[in-house]
PDB file of N, CA and C in Angstrom:
ATOM      1  N   MET A   1      -7.751  10.268 -19.998  1.00  0.00           N
ATOM      2  CA  MET A   1      -7.414  11.677 -19.981  1.00  0.00           C
ATOM      3  C   MET A   1      -8.629  12.523 -20.325  1.00  0.00           C
ATOM      4  N   GLU A   2      -9.430  12.078 -21.252  1.00  0.00           N
ATOM      5  CA  GLU A   2     -10.587  12.860 -21.674  1.00  0.00           C
ATOM      6  C   GLU A   2     -11.564  13.084 -20.513  1.00  0.00           C
ATOM      7  N   ARG A   3     -11.738  12.070 -19.675  1.00  0.00           N
ATOM      8  CA  ARG A   3     -12.661  12.219 -18.539  1.00  0.00           C
ATOM      9  C   ARG A   3     -12.151  13.275 -17.560  1.00  0.00           C
ATOM     10  N   PHE A   4     -10.841  13.314 -17.325  1.00  0.00           N
ATOM     11  CA  PHE A   4     -10.295  14.342 -16.438  1.00  0.00           C
ATOM     12  C   PHE A   4     -10.493  15.720 -17.057  1.00  0.00           C
ATOM     13  N   LYS A   5     -10.248  15.841 -18.342  1.00  0.00           N
ATOM     14  CA  LYS A   5     -10.416  17.125 -19.025  1.00  0.00           C
ATOM     15  C   LYS A   5     -11.856  17.612 -18.914  1.00  0.00           C
ATOM     16  N   ILE A   6     -12.810  16.729 -19.165  1.00  0.00           N
ATOM     17  CA  ILE A   6     -14.222  17.097 -19.071  1.00  0.00           C
ATOM     18  C   ILE A   6     -14.561  17.525 -17.642  1.00  0.00           C
ATOM     19  N   HIS A   7     -14.080  16.757 -16.675  1.00  0.00           N
ATOM     20  CA  HIS A   7     -14.336  17.093 -15.269  1.00  0.00           C
ATOM     21  C   HIS A   7     -13.746  18.464 -14.936  1.00  0.00           C
ATOM     22  N   TYR A   8     -12.503  18.672 -15.283  1.00  0.00           N
ATOM     23  CA  TYR A   8     -11.804  19.912 -14.947  1.00  0.00           C
ATOM     24  C   TYR A   8     -12.463  21.117 -15.604  1.00  0.00           C
ATOM     25  N   LEU A   9     -12.804  20.990 -16.874  1.00  0.00           N
ATOM     26  CA  LEU A   9     -13.403  22.118 -17.585  1.00  0.00           C
ATOM     27  C   LEU A   9     -14.809  22.430 -17.083  1.00  0.00           C
ATOM     28  N   GLY A  10     -15.438  21.480 -16.410  1.00  0.00           N
ATOM     29  CA  GLY A  10     -16.755  21.709 -15.831  1.00  0.00           C
ATOM     30  C   GLY A  10     -16.720  22.459 -14.507  1.00  0.00           C
ATOM     31  N   LEU A  11     -15.528  22.666 -13.969  1.00  0.00           N
ATOM     32  CA  LEU A  11     -15.381  23.363 -12.692  1.00  0.00           C
ATOM     33  C   LEU A  11     -15.300  24.871 -12.898  1.00  0.00           C
ATOM     34  N   SER A  12     -15.759  25.615 -11.906  1.00  0.00           N
ATOM     35  CA  SER A  12     -15.582  27.065 -11.928  1.00  0.00           C
ATOM     36  C   SER A  12     -14.102  27.380 -11.698  1.00  0.00           C
ATOM     37  N   VAL A  13     -13.718  28.611 -11.970  1.00  0.00           N
ATOM     38  CA  VAL A  13     -12.328  29.021 -11.752  1.00  0.00           C
ATOM     39  C   VAL A  13     -11.958  28.836 -10.281  1.00  0.00           C
ATOM     40  N   ALA A  14     -12.859  29.189  -9.385  1.00  0.00           N
ATOM     41  CA  ALA A  14     -12.585  29.041  -7.951  1.00  0.00           C
ATOM     42  C   ALA A  14     -12.424  27.568  -7.582  1.00  0.00           C
ATOM     43  N   ALA A  15     -13.246  26.708  -8.159  1.00  0.00           N
ATOM     44  CA  ALA A  15     -13.148  25.272  -7.875  1.00  0.00           C
ATOM     45  C   ALA A  15     -11.862  24.693  -8.453  1.00  0.00           C
ATOM     46  N   ARG A  16     -11.429  25.190  -9.605  1.00  0.00           N
ATOM     47  CA  ARG A  16     -10.157  24.739 -10.187  1.00  0.00           C
ATOM     48  C   ARG A  16      -8.992  25.128  -9.284  1.00  0.00           C
ATOM     49  N   GLU A  17      -9.047  26.342  -8.764  1.00  0.00           N
ATOM     50  CA  GLU A  17      -7.996  26.812  -7.855  1.00  0.00           C
ATOM     51  C   GLU A  17      -7.981  25.971  -6.583  1.00  0.00           C
ATOM     52  N   ALA A  18      -9.158  25.679  -6.050  1.00  0.00           N
ATOM     53  CA  ALA A  18      -9.248  24.862  -4.835  1.00  0.00           C
ATOM     54  C   ALA A  18      -8.726  23.452  -5.090  1.00  0.00           C
ATOM     55  N   LEU A  19      -9.066  22.882  -6.231  1.00  0.00           N
ATOM     56  CA  LEU A  19      -8.577  21.546  -6.583  1.00  0.00           C
ATOM     57  C   LEU A  19      -7.054  21.542  -6.650  1.00  0.00           C
ATOM     58  N   ALA A  20      -6.499  22.533  -7.306  1.00  0.00           N
ATOM     59  CA  ALA A  20      -5.040  22.618  -7.423  1.00  0.00           C
ATOM     60  C   ALA A  20      -4.391  22.716  -6.045  1.00  0.00           C
ATOM     61  N   GLN A  21      -4.918  23.568  -5.191  1.00  0.00           N
ATOM     62  CA  GLN A  21      -4.348  23.727  -3.848  1.00  0.00           C
ATOM     63  C   GLN A  21      -4.448  22.434  -3.053  1.00  0.00           C
ATOM     64  N   GLN A  22      -5.595  21.774  -3.106  1.00  0.00           N
ATOM     65  CA  GLN A  22      -5.775  20.529  -2.361  1.00  0.00           C
ATOM     66  C   GLN A  22      -4.850  19.431  -2.875  1.00  0.00           C
ATOM     67  N   ALA A  23      -4.555  19.457  -4.169  1.00  0.00           N
ATOM     68  CA  ALA A  23      -3.682  18.440  -4.766  1.00  0.00           C
ATOM     69  C   ALA A  23      -2.204  18.792  -4.627  1.00  0.00           C
ATOM     70  N   GLY A  24      -1.909  19.973  -4.102  1.00  0.00           N
ATOM     71  CA  GLY A  24      -0.518  20.376  -3.911  1.00  0.00           C
ATOM     72  C   GLY A  24       0.164  20.826  -5.182  1.00  0.00           C
ATOM     73  N   THR A  25      -0.607  21.430  -6.081  1.00  0.00           N
ATOM     74  CA  THR A  25      -0.045  21.905  -7.342  1.00  0.00           C
ATOM     75  C   THR A  25      -0.646  23.268  -7.656  1.00  0.00           C
ATOM     76  N   THR A  26      -0.483  23.716  -8.885  1.00  0.00           N
ATOM     77  CA  THR A  26      -1.037  25.002  -9.293  1.00  0.00           C
ATOM     78  C   THR A  26      -2.079  24.802 -10.379  1.00  0.00           C
ATOM     79  N   ARG A  27      -2.917  25.808 -10.520  1.00  0.00           N
ATOM     80  CA  ARG A  27      -3.907  25.766 -11.600  1.00  0.00           C
ATOM     81  C   ARG A  27      -3.202  25.747 -12.954  1.00  0.00           C
ATOM     82  N   GLY A  28      -2.069  26.418 -13.043  1.00  0.00           N
ATOM     83  CA  GLY A  28      -1.302  26.422 -14.287  1.00  0.00           C
ATOM     84  C   GLY A  28      -0.843  25.033 -14.684  1.00  0.00           C
ATOM     85  N   THR A  29      -0.389  24.259 -13.706  1.00  0.00           N
ATOM     86  CA  THR A  29       0.021  22.882 -13.997  1.00  0.00           C
ATOM     87  C   THR A  29      -1.167  22.070 -14.489  1.00  0.00           C
ATOM     88  N   LEU A  30      -2.320  22.233 -13.841  1.00  0.00           N
ATOM     89  CA  LEU A  30      -3.504  21.486 -14.278  1.00  0.00           C
ATOM     90  C   LEU A  30      -3.935  21.910 -15.684  1.00  0.00           C
ATOM     91  N   HIS A  31      -3.784  23.192 -16.004  1.00  0.00           N
ATOM     92  CA  HIS A  31      -4.074  23.650 -17.369  1.00  0.00           C
ATOM     93  C   HIS A  31      -3.132  22.974 -18.367  1.00  0.00           C
ATOM     94  N   GLN A  32      -1.856  22.837 -18.002  1.00  0.00           N
ATOM     95  CA  GLN A  32      -0.907  22.157 -18.890  1.00  0.00           C
ATOM     96  C   GLN A  32      -1.296  20.703 -19.095  1.00  0.00           C
ATOM     97  N   VAL A  33      -1.807  20.068 -18.056  1.00  0.00           N
ATOM     98  CA  VAL A  33      -2.255  18.676 -18.175  1.00  0.00           C
ATOM     99  C   VAL A  33      -3.438  18.601 -19.137  1.00  0.00           C
ATOM    100  N   VAL A  34      -4.397  19.497 -18.961  1.00  0.00           N
ATOM    101  CA  VAL A  34      -5.626  19.463 -19.757  1.00  0.00           C
ATOM    102  C   VAL A  34      -5.392  19.918 -21.197  1.00  0.00           C
ATOM    103  N   TYR A  35      -4.648  21.003 -21.386  1.00  0.00           N
ATOM    104  CA  TYR A  35      -4.497  21.591 -22.718  1.00  0.00           C
ATOM    105  C   TYR A  35      -3.173  21.279 -23.402  1.00  0.00           C
ATOM    106  N   GLY A  36      -2.118  21.111 -22.630  1.00  0.00           N
ATOM    107  CA  GLY A  36      -0.796  21.026 -23.223  1.00  0.00           C
ATOM    108  C   GLY A  36      -0.202  19.646 -23.330  1.00  0.00           C
ATOM    109  N   GLY A  37      -0.924  18.644 -22.908  1.00  0.00           N
ATOM    110  CA  GLY A  37      -0.402  17.292 -23.017  1.00  0.00           C
ATOM    111  C   GLY A  37       0.636  16.947 -21.965  1.00  0.00           C
ATOM    112  N   LYS A  38       0.713  17.736 -20.891  1.00  0.00           N
ATOM    113  CA  LYS A  38       1.672  17.441 -19.813  1.00  0.00           C
ATOM    114  C   LYS A  38       1.272  16.138 -19.134  1.00  0.00           C
ATOM    115  N   ARG A  39       2.261  15.301 -18.871  1.00  0.00           N
ATOM    116  CA  ARG A  39       2.017  14.058 -18.142  1.00  0.00           C
ATOM    117  C   ARG A  39       2.473  14.247 -16.706  1.00  0.00           C
ATOM    118  N   ILE A  40       1.860  13.523 -15.795  1.00  0.00           N
ATOM    119  CA  ILE A  40       2.100  13.753 -14.375  1.00  0.00           C
ATOM    120  C   ILE A  40       2.614  12.504 -13.673  1.00  0.00           C
ATOM    121  N   GLU A  41       3.254  12.740 -12.534  1.00  0.00           N
ATOM    122  CA  GLU A  41       3.777  11.654 -11.712  1.00  0.00           C
ATOM    123  C   GLU A  41       2.643  11.027 -10.907  1.00  0.00           C
ATOM    124  N   LEU A  42       2.922   9.858 -10.369  1.00  0.00           N
ATOM    125  CA  LEU A  42       1.909   9.067  -9.691  1.00  0.00           C
ATOM    126  C   LEU A  42       1.353   9.764  -8.446  1.00  0.00           C
ATOM    127  N   GLY A  43       2.176  10.482  -7.719  1.00  0.00           N
ATOM    128  CA  GLY A  43       1.705  11.159  -6.509  1.00  0.00           C
ATOM    129  C   GLY A  43       0.614  12.172  -6.802  1.00  0.00           C
ATOM    130  N   LEU A  44       0.835  13.028  -7.799  1.00  0.00           N
ATOM    131  CA  LEU A  44      -0.178  14.009  -8.177  1.00  0.00           C
ATOM    132  C   LEU A  44      -1.409  13.310  -8.734  1.00  0.00           C
ATOM    133  N   ALA A  45      -1.200  12.283  -9.537  1.00  0.00           N
ATOM    134  CA  ALA A  45      -2.334  11.534 -10.088  1.00  0.00           C
ATOM    135  C   ALA A  45      -3.173  10.922  -8.975  1.00  0.00           C
ATOM    136  N   ASP A  46      -2.519  10.361  -7.962  1.00  0.00           N
ATOM    137  CA  ASP A  46      -3.242   9.793  -6.819  1.00  0.00           C
ATOM    138  C   ASP A  46      -4.093  10.860  -6.132  1.00  0.00           C
ATOM    139  N   CYS A  47      -3.524  12.031  -5.930  1.00  0.00           N
ATOM    140  CA  CYS A  47      -4.270  13.125  -5.298  1.00  0.00           C
ATOM    141  C   CYS A  47      -5.488  13.515  -6.126  1.00  0.00           C
ATOM    142  N   LEU A  48      -5.304  13.660  -7.418  1.00  0.00           N
ATOM    143  CA  LEU A  48      -6.411  14.062  -8.283  1.00  0.00           C
ATOM    144  C   LEU A  48      -7.516  13.015  -8.309  1.00  0.00           C
ATOM    145  N   VAL A  49      -7.135  11.752  -8.336  1.00  0.00           N
ATOM    146  CA  VAL A  49      -8.131  10.675  -8.314  1.00  0.00           C
ATOM    147  C   VAL A  49      -8.907  10.712  -6.996  1.00  0.00           C
ATOM    148  N   ALA A  50      -8.210  10.931  -5.896  1.00  0.00           N
ATOM    149  CA  ALA A  50      -8.874  10.986  -4.589  1.00  0.00           C
ATOM    150  C   ALA A  50      -9.818  12.181  -4.485  1.00  0.00           C
ATOM    151  N   LEU A  51      -9.459  13.282  -5.128  1.00  0.00           N
ATOM    152  CA  LEU A  51     -10.253  14.505  -5.044  1.00  0.00           C
ATOM    153  C   LEU A  51     -11.366  14.587  -6.082  1.00  0.00           C
ATOM    154  N   CYS A  52     -11.318  13.748  -7.106  1.00  0.00           N
ATOM    155  CA  CYS A  52     -12.259  13.843  -8.228  1.00  0.00           C
ATOM    156  C   CYS A  52     -12.944  12.517  -8.532  1.00  0.00           C
ATOM    157  N   PRO A  53     -13.677  11.962  -7.563  1.00  0.00           N
ATOM    158  CA  PRO A  53     -14.372  10.718  -7.895  1.00  0.00           C
ATOM    159  C   PRO A  53     -15.409  11.001  -8.976  1.00  0.00           C
ATOM    160  N   PRO A  54     -15.680  10.116  -9.878  1.00  0.00           N
ATOM    161  CA  PRO A  54     -15.252   8.721  -9.964  1.00  0.00           C
ATOM    162  C   PRO A  54     -14.049   8.505 -10.884  1.00  0.00           C
ATOM    163  N   LEU A  55     -13.199   9.511 -11.063  1.00  0.00           N
ATOM    164  CA  LEU A  55     -12.032   9.347 -11.928  1.00  0.00           C
ATOM    165  C   LEU A  55     -11.087   8.295 -11.359  1.00  0.00           C
ATOM    166  N   THR A  56     -10.335   7.661 -12.256  1.00  0.00           N
ATOM    167  CA  THR A  56      -9.366   6.641 -11.863  1.00  0.00           C
ATOM    168  C   THR A  56      -8.013   6.995 -12.472  1.00  0.00           C
ATOM    169  N   LEU A  57      -6.999   6.230 -12.129  1.00  0.00           N
ATOM    170  CA  LEU A  57      -5.677   6.451 -12.723  1.00  0.00           C
ATOM    171  C   LEU A  57      -5.701   6.266 -14.233  1.00  0.00           C
ATOM    172  N   ASP A  58      -6.640   5.487 -14.738  1.00  0.00           N
ATOM    173  CA  ASP A  58      -6.766   5.323 -16.189  1.00  0.00           C
ATOM    174  C   ASP A  58      -7.129   6.634 -16.878  1.00  0.00           C
ATOM    175  N   ASP A  59      -7.684   7.580 -16.132  1.00  0.00           N
ATOM    176  CA  ASP A  59      -8.082   8.870 -16.688  1.00  0.00           C
ATOM    177  C   ASP A  59      -6.963   9.906 -16.629  1.00  0.00           C
ATOM    178  N   MET A  60      -5.826   9.536 -16.063  1.00  0.00           N
ATOM    179  CA  MET A  60      -4.725  10.467 -15.866  1.00  0.00           C
ATOM    180  C   MET A  60      -3.601  10.227 -16.873  1.00  0.00           C
ATOM    181  N   PRO A  61      -3.014  11.308 -17.409  1.00  0.00           N
ATOM    182  CA  PRO A  61      -1.881  11.176 -18.331  1.00  0.00           C
ATOM    183  C   PRO A  61      -0.579  10.988 -17.547  1.00  0.00           C
ATOM    184  N   LEU A  62      -0.208   9.757 -17.310  1.00  0.00           N
ATOM    185  CA  LEU A  62       0.944   9.444 -16.471  1.00  0.00           C
ATOM    186  C   LEU A  62       2.255   9.482 -17.255  1.00  0.00           C
ATOM    187  N   THR A  63       3.327   9.869 -16.564  1.00  0.00           N
ATOM    188  CA  THR A  63       4.662   9.776 -17.149  1.00  0.00           C
ATOM    189  C   THR A  63       5.027   8.303 -17.298  1.00  0.00           C
ATOM    190  N   ASP A  64       6.066   8.034 -18.065  1.00  0.00           N
ATOM    191  CA  ASP A  64       6.519   6.647 -18.221  1.00  0.00           C
ATOM    192  C   ASP A  64       6.904   6.048 -16.873  1.00  0.00           C
ATOM    193  N   ARG A  65       7.581   6.827 -16.044  1.00  0.00           N
ATOM    194  CA  ARG A  65       7.976   6.338 -14.723  1.00  0.00           C
ATOM    195  C   ARG A  65       6.749   6.031 -13.870  1.00  0.00           C
ATOM    196  N   ALA A  66       5.738   6.892 -13.915  1.00  0.00           N
ATOM    197  CA  ALA A  66       4.521   6.666 -13.138  1.00  0.00           C
ATOM    198  C   ALA A  66       3.784   5.422 -13.617  1.00  0.00           C
ATOM    199  N   ILE A  67       3.798   5.175 -14.912  1.00  0.00           N
ATOM    200  CA  ILE A  67       3.169   3.961 -15.442  1.00  0.00           C
ATOM    201  C   ILE A  67       3.871   2.734 -14.892  1.00  0.00           C
ATOM    202  N   GLN A  68       5.202   2.754 -14.884  1.00  0.00           N
ATOM    203  CA  GLN A  68       5.963   1.622 -14.352  1.00  0.00           C
ATOM    204  C   GLN A  68       5.701   1.438 -12.862  1.00  0.00           C
ATOM    205  N   GLN A  69       5.662   2.530 -12.116  1.00  0.00           N
ATOM    206  CA  GLN A  69       5.377   2.450 -10.683  1.00  0.00           C
ATOM    207  C   GLN A  69       3.979   1.888 -10.435  1.00  0.00           C
ATOM    208  N   ARG A  70       3.047   2.272 -11.265  1.00  0.00           N
ATOM    209  CA  ARG A  70       1.678   1.764 -11.127  1.00  0.00           C
ATOM    210  C   ARG A  70       1.633   0.258 -11.355  1.00  0.00           C
ATOM    211  N   ILE A  71       2.387  -0.217 -12.319  1.00  0.00           N
ATOM    212  CA  ILE A  71       2.447  -1.661 -12.592  1.00  0.00           C
ATOM    213  C   ILE A  71       3.010  -2.396 -11.384  1.00  0.00           C
ATOM    214  N   VAL A  72       4.091  -1.878 -10.823  1.00  0.00           N
ATOM    215  CA  VAL A  72       4.703  -2.509  -9.650  1.00  0.00           C
ATOM    216  C   VAL A  72       3.735  -2.478  -8.473  1.00  0.00           C
ATOM    217  N   ARG A  73       3.073  -1.368  -8.270  1.00  0.00           N
ATOM    218  CA  ARG A  73       2.126  -1.229  -7.167  1.00  0.00           C
ATOM    219  C   ARG A  73       0.965  -2.218  -7.293  1.00  0.00           C
ATOM    220  N   ALA A  74       0.525  -2.474  -8.515  1.00  0.00           N
ATOM    221  CA  ALA A  74      -0.633  -3.344  -8.744  1.00  0.00           C
ATOM    222  C   ALA A  74      -0.329  -4.807  -8.456  1.00  0.00           C
ATOM    223  N   ARG A  75       0.941  -5.169  -8.542  1.00  0.00           N
ATOM    224  CA  ARG A  75       1.309  -6.555  -8.223  1.00  0.00           C
ATOM    225  C   ARG A  75       1.100  -6.796  -6.743  1.00  0.00           C
ATOM    226  N   ALA A  76       0.553  -7.948  -6.429  1.00  0.00           N
ATOM    227  CA  ALA A  76       0.394  -8.322  -5.017  1.00  0.00           C
ATOM    228  C   ALA A  76       1.568  -9.219  -4.662  1.00  0.00           C
ATOM    229  N   PRO A  77       2.607  -8.671  -4.032  1.00  0.00           N
ATOM    230  CA  PRO A  77       3.789  -9.486  -3.746  1.00  0.00           C
ATOM    231  C   PRO A  77       3.493 -10.550  -2.692  1.00  0.00           C
ATOM    232  N   SER A  78       4.097 -11.684  -2.897  1.00  0.00           N
ATOM    233  CA  SER A  78       4.010 -12.724  -1.871  1.00  0.00           C
ATOM    234  C   SER A  78       5.001 -12.362  -0.776  1.00  0.00           C
ATOM    235  N   PRO A  79       4.867 -12.939   0.418  1.00  0.00           N
ATOM    236  CA  PRO A  79       5.815 -12.618   1.502  1.00  0.00           C
ATOM    237  C   PRO A  79       7.267 -12.877   1.112  1.00  0.00           C
ATOM    238  N   VAL A  80       7.511 -13.844   0.234  1.00  0.00           N
ATOM    239  CA  VAL A  80       8.876 -14.154  -0.198  1.00  0.00           C
ATOM    240  C   VAL A  80       9.433 -13.023  -1.053  1.00  0.00           C
ATOM    241  N   GLU A  81       8.561 -12.336  -1.796  1.00  0.00           N
ATOM    242  CA  GLU A  81       9.008 -11.285  -2.700  1.00  0.00           C
ATOM    243  C   GLU A  81       9.323  -9.977  -1.980  1.00  0.00           C
ATOM    244  N   THR A  82       8.808  -9.788  -0.801  1.00  0.00           N
ATOM    245  CA  THR A  82       9.049  -8.526  -0.115  1.00  0.00           C
ATOM    246  C   THR A  82      10.504  -8.423   0.320  1.00  0.00           C
ATOM    247  N   ILE A  83      10.996  -7.232   0.337  1.00  0.00           N
ATOM    248  CA  ILE A  83      12.390  -7.005   0.708  1.00  0.00           C
ATOM    249  C   ILE A  83      12.576  -7.383   2.172  1.00  0.00           C
ATOM    250  N   GLY A  84      13.578  -8.192   2.422  1.00  0.00           N
ATOM    251  CA  GLY A  84      13.867  -8.611   3.781  1.00  0.00           C
ATOM    252  C   GLY A  84      12.958  -9.723   4.286  1.00  0.00           C
ATOM    253  N   GLY A  85      12.094 -10.245   3.395  1.00  0.00           N
ATOM    254  CA  GLY A  85      11.123 -11.237   3.844  1.00  0.00           C
ATOM    255  C   GLY A  85      11.509 -12.629   3.648  1.00  0.00           C
TER     256      GLY A  85
END
């Protein structure tokens, strides 16, 4: 989380607005993440990671559900484990 905060605070106001728009959120939401301890879902975290290299999901304050989804996503299922497989 600290790396995202440092990255975000290093941006100009215009760059923060552009980041929010590209990520499909608002600058206010990003301020809540940085200052207010707001945790985010995996979709928004994925967007922010893609838009802010070299940040990773480890730098994002994920919700409990997003953490669980990340764990499931990280598993490499065998063909037997896939649904309908």
